[in-house]
Amino acid sequence: NLMVDTMKREPKILPDPAPFAGLCESKNEAMEFTARAWCRNEDYWDVYFYITQNITKAFEENNIEVPVVRIQTTERPGQNGVPYRS
């Protein structure tokens, strides 16, 4: 598991209980994963940012694309306070 292997490389992450990663939800536009690792309280933020940054990097290095939500907007006549006349 790419995510777990990435977490195991951080020495501040405790080996027991072992790090966990898995699919928690699948939606039309995204797949949501959970990554959990245990550490000492004083290492929490270092581990948090390590996981976020390095799993993203591992995805890129392994050609796993992360979807980006794009919104297209179109301005229509008669909106934004401008009256529409035909």
C-alpha atoms as a PDB file:
ATOM      1  CA  ASN A   1       0.000   0.000   0.000  1.00  0.00           C
ATOM      2  CA  LEU A   2       1.639   3.217  -1.225  1.00  0.00           C
ATOM      3  CA  MET A   3       0.159   5.359   1.536  1.00  0.00           C
ATOM      4  CA  VAL A   4       1.225   3.036   4.357  1.00  0.00           C
ATOM      5  CA  ASP A   5       4.714   2.604   2.886  1.00  0.00           C
ATOM      6  CA  THR A   6       5.066   6.395   2.745  1.00  0.00           C
ATOM      7  CA  MET A   7       4.020   6.757   6.380  1.00  0.00           C
ATOM      8  CA  LYS A   8       6.434   4.037   7.521  1.00  0.00           C
ATOM      9  CA  ARG A   9       9.360   6.119   6.228  1.00  0.00           C
ATOM     10  CA  GLU A  10       8.733   8.834   8.861  1.00  0.00           C
ATOM     11  CA  PRO A  11      10.623   7.880  12.053  1.00  0.00           C
ATOM     12  CA  LYS A  12       8.248   9.960  14.226  1.00  0.00           C
ATOM     13  CA  ILE A  13       5.392   7.606  13.299  1.00  0.00           C
ATOM     14  CA  LEU A  14       5.131   4.795  15.828  1.00  0.00           C
ATOM     15  CA  PRO A  15       5.278   1.217  14.479  1.00  0.00           C
ATOM     16  CA  ASP A  16       2.630   0.006  16.926  1.00  0.00           C
ATOM     17  CA  PRO A  17      -0.192   0.344  16.289  1.00  0.00           C
ATOM     18  CA  ALA A  18       0.756   0.119  12.638  1.00  0.00           C
ATOM     19  CA  PRO A  19      -0.158   2.939  10.218  1.00  0.00           C
ATOM     20  CA  PHE A  20      -3.411   2.366   8.336  1.00  0.00           C
ATOM     21  CA  ALA A  21      -4.743   3.648   5.016  1.00  0.00           C
ATOM     22  CA  GLY A  22      -7.909   2.708   3.191  1.00  0.00           C
ATOM     23  CA  LEU A  23     -10.733   3.873   0.995  1.00  0.00           C
ATOM     24  CA  CYS A  24     -13.480   5.337   3.155  1.00  0.00           C
ATOM     25  CA  GLU A  25     -15.850   6.766   0.523  1.00  0.00           C
ATOM     26  CA  SER A  26     -16.293   6.701  -3.242  1.00  0.00           C
ATOM     27  CA  LYS A  27     -18.199   9.511  -4.911  1.00  0.00           C
ATOM     28  CA  ASN A  28     -18.890  10.433  -8.522  1.00  0.00           C
ATOM     29  CA  GLU A  29     -16.127  13.019  -8.582  1.00  0.00           C
ATOM     30  CA  ALA A  30     -13.711  11.747  -5.935  1.00  0.00           C
ATOM     31  CA  MET A  31     -12.438   8.871  -3.870  1.00  0.00           C
ATOM     32  CA  GLU A  32     -11.805   9.694  -0.208  1.00  0.00           C
ATOM     33  CA  PHE A  33      -9.060   7.884   1.655  1.00  0.00           C
ATOM     34  CA  THR A  34      -8.248   7.794   5.334  1.00  0.00           C
ATOM     35  CA  ALA A  35      -4.636   7.670   6.498  1.00  0.00           C
ATOM     36  CA  ARG A  36      -3.992   7.078  10.186  1.00  0.00           C
ATOM     37  CA  ALA A  37      -0.722   6.938  12.049  1.00  0.00           C
ATOM     38  CA  TRP A  38       0.178   7.154  15.704  1.00  0.00           C
ATOM     39  CA  CYS A  39       2.882   9.341  17.186  1.00  0.00           C
ATOM     40  CA  ARG A  40       3.869  11.093  20.386  1.00  0.00           C
ATOM     41  CA  ASN A  41       1.790  14.189  21.199  1.00  0.00           C
ATOM     42  CA  GLU A  42       4.726  16.542  20.654  1.00  0.00           C
ATOM     43  CA  ASP A  43       5.256  15.123  17.128  1.00  0.00           C
ATOM     44  CA  TYR A  44       1.620  15.451  16.024  1.00  0.00           C
ATOM     45  CA  TRP A  45       1.932  18.478  13.719  1.00  0.00           C
ATOM     46  CA  ASP A  46       5.194  17.293  12.159  1.00  0.00           C
ATOM     47  CA  VAL A  47       3.576  13.938  11.390  1.00  0.00           C
ATOM     48  CA  TYR A  48       0.352  15.552  10.164  1.00  0.00           C
ATOM     49  CA  PHE A  49       2.175  17.708   7.614  1.00  0.00           C
ATOM     50  CA  TYR A  50       4.560  14.890   6.674  1.00  0.00           C
ATOM     51  CA  ILE A  51       1.624  12.615   5.812  1.00  0.00           C
ATOM     52  CA  THR A  52      -0.206  15.299   3.820  1.00  0.00           C
ATOM     53  CA  GLN A  53       2.819  16.414   1.817  1.00  0.00           C
ATOM     54  CA  ASN A  54       4.503  13.069   1.256  1.00  0.00           C
ATOM     55  CA  ILE A  55       1.449  11.053   0.286  1.00  0.00           C
ATOM     56  CA  THR A  56       0.621  13.748  -2.280  1.00  0.00           C
ATOM     57  CA  LYS A  57       4.225  13.559  -3.536  1.00  0.00           C
ATOM     58  CA  ALA A  58       4.084   9.728  -3.675  1.00  0.00           C
ATOM     59  CA  PHE A  59       0.907   9.923  -5.770  1.00  0.00           C
ATOM     60  CA  GLU A  60       2.609  12.289  -8.223  1.00  0.00           C
ATOM     61  CA  GLU A  61       5.744  10.099  -8.432  1.00  0.00           C
ATOM     62  CA  ASN A  62       3.556   7.058  -9.184  1.00  0.00           C
ATOM     63  CA  ASN A  63       1.431   8.876 -11.797  1.00  0.00           C
ATOM     64  CA  ILE A  64      -1.690   8.786  -9.666  1.00  0.00           C
ATOM     65  CA  GLU A  65      -3.741  11.793 -10.655  1.00  0.00           C
ATOM     66  CA  VAL A  66      -5.609  13.706  -8.002  1.00  0.00           C
ATOM     67  CA  PRO A  67      -8.847  15.115  -9.444  1.00  0.00           C
ATOM     68  CA  VAL A  68      -9.347  18.851  -9.352  1.00  0.00           C
ATOM     69  CA  VAL A  69     -12.876  20.204  -9.142  1.00  0.00           C
ATOM     70  CA  ARG A  70     -13.474  22.818 -11.799  1.00  0.00           C
ATOM     71  CA  ILE A  71     -16.460  25.099 -11.980  1.00  0.00           C
ATOM     72  CA  GLN A  72     -17.433  26.860 -15.178  1.00  0.00           C
ATOM     73  CA  THR A  73     -19.573  29.968 -14.887  1.00  0.00           C
ATOM     74  CA  THR A  74     -21.422  31.781 -17.628  1.00  0.00           C
ATOM     75  CA  GLU A  75     -22.800  35.275 -17.354  1.00  0.00           C
ATOM     76  CA  ARG A  76     -26.293  35.592 -18.798  1.00  0.00           C
ATOM     77  CA  PRO A  77     -28.073  38.731 -19.908  1.00  0.00           C
ATOM     78  CA  GLY A  78     -30.428  40.146 -17.304  1.00  0.00           C
ATOM     79  CA  GLN A  79     -28.364  39.089 -14.344  1.00  0.00           C
ATOM     80  CA  ASN A  80     -26.019  41.068 -12.144  1.00  0.00           C
ATOM     81  CA  GLY A  81     -28.421  43.999 -12.080  1.00  0.00           C
ATOM     82  CA  VAL A  82     -28.456  44.498 -15.850  1.00  0.00           C
ATOM     83  CA  PRO A  83     -31.960  44.287 -17.309  1.00  0.00           C
ATOM     84  CA  TYR A  84     -32.461  41.824 -20.140  1.00  0.00           C
ATOM     85  CA  ARG A  85     -34.067  43.180 -23.291  1.00  0.00           C
ATOM     86  CA  SER A  86     -34.743  41.123 -26.371  1.00  0.00           C
END
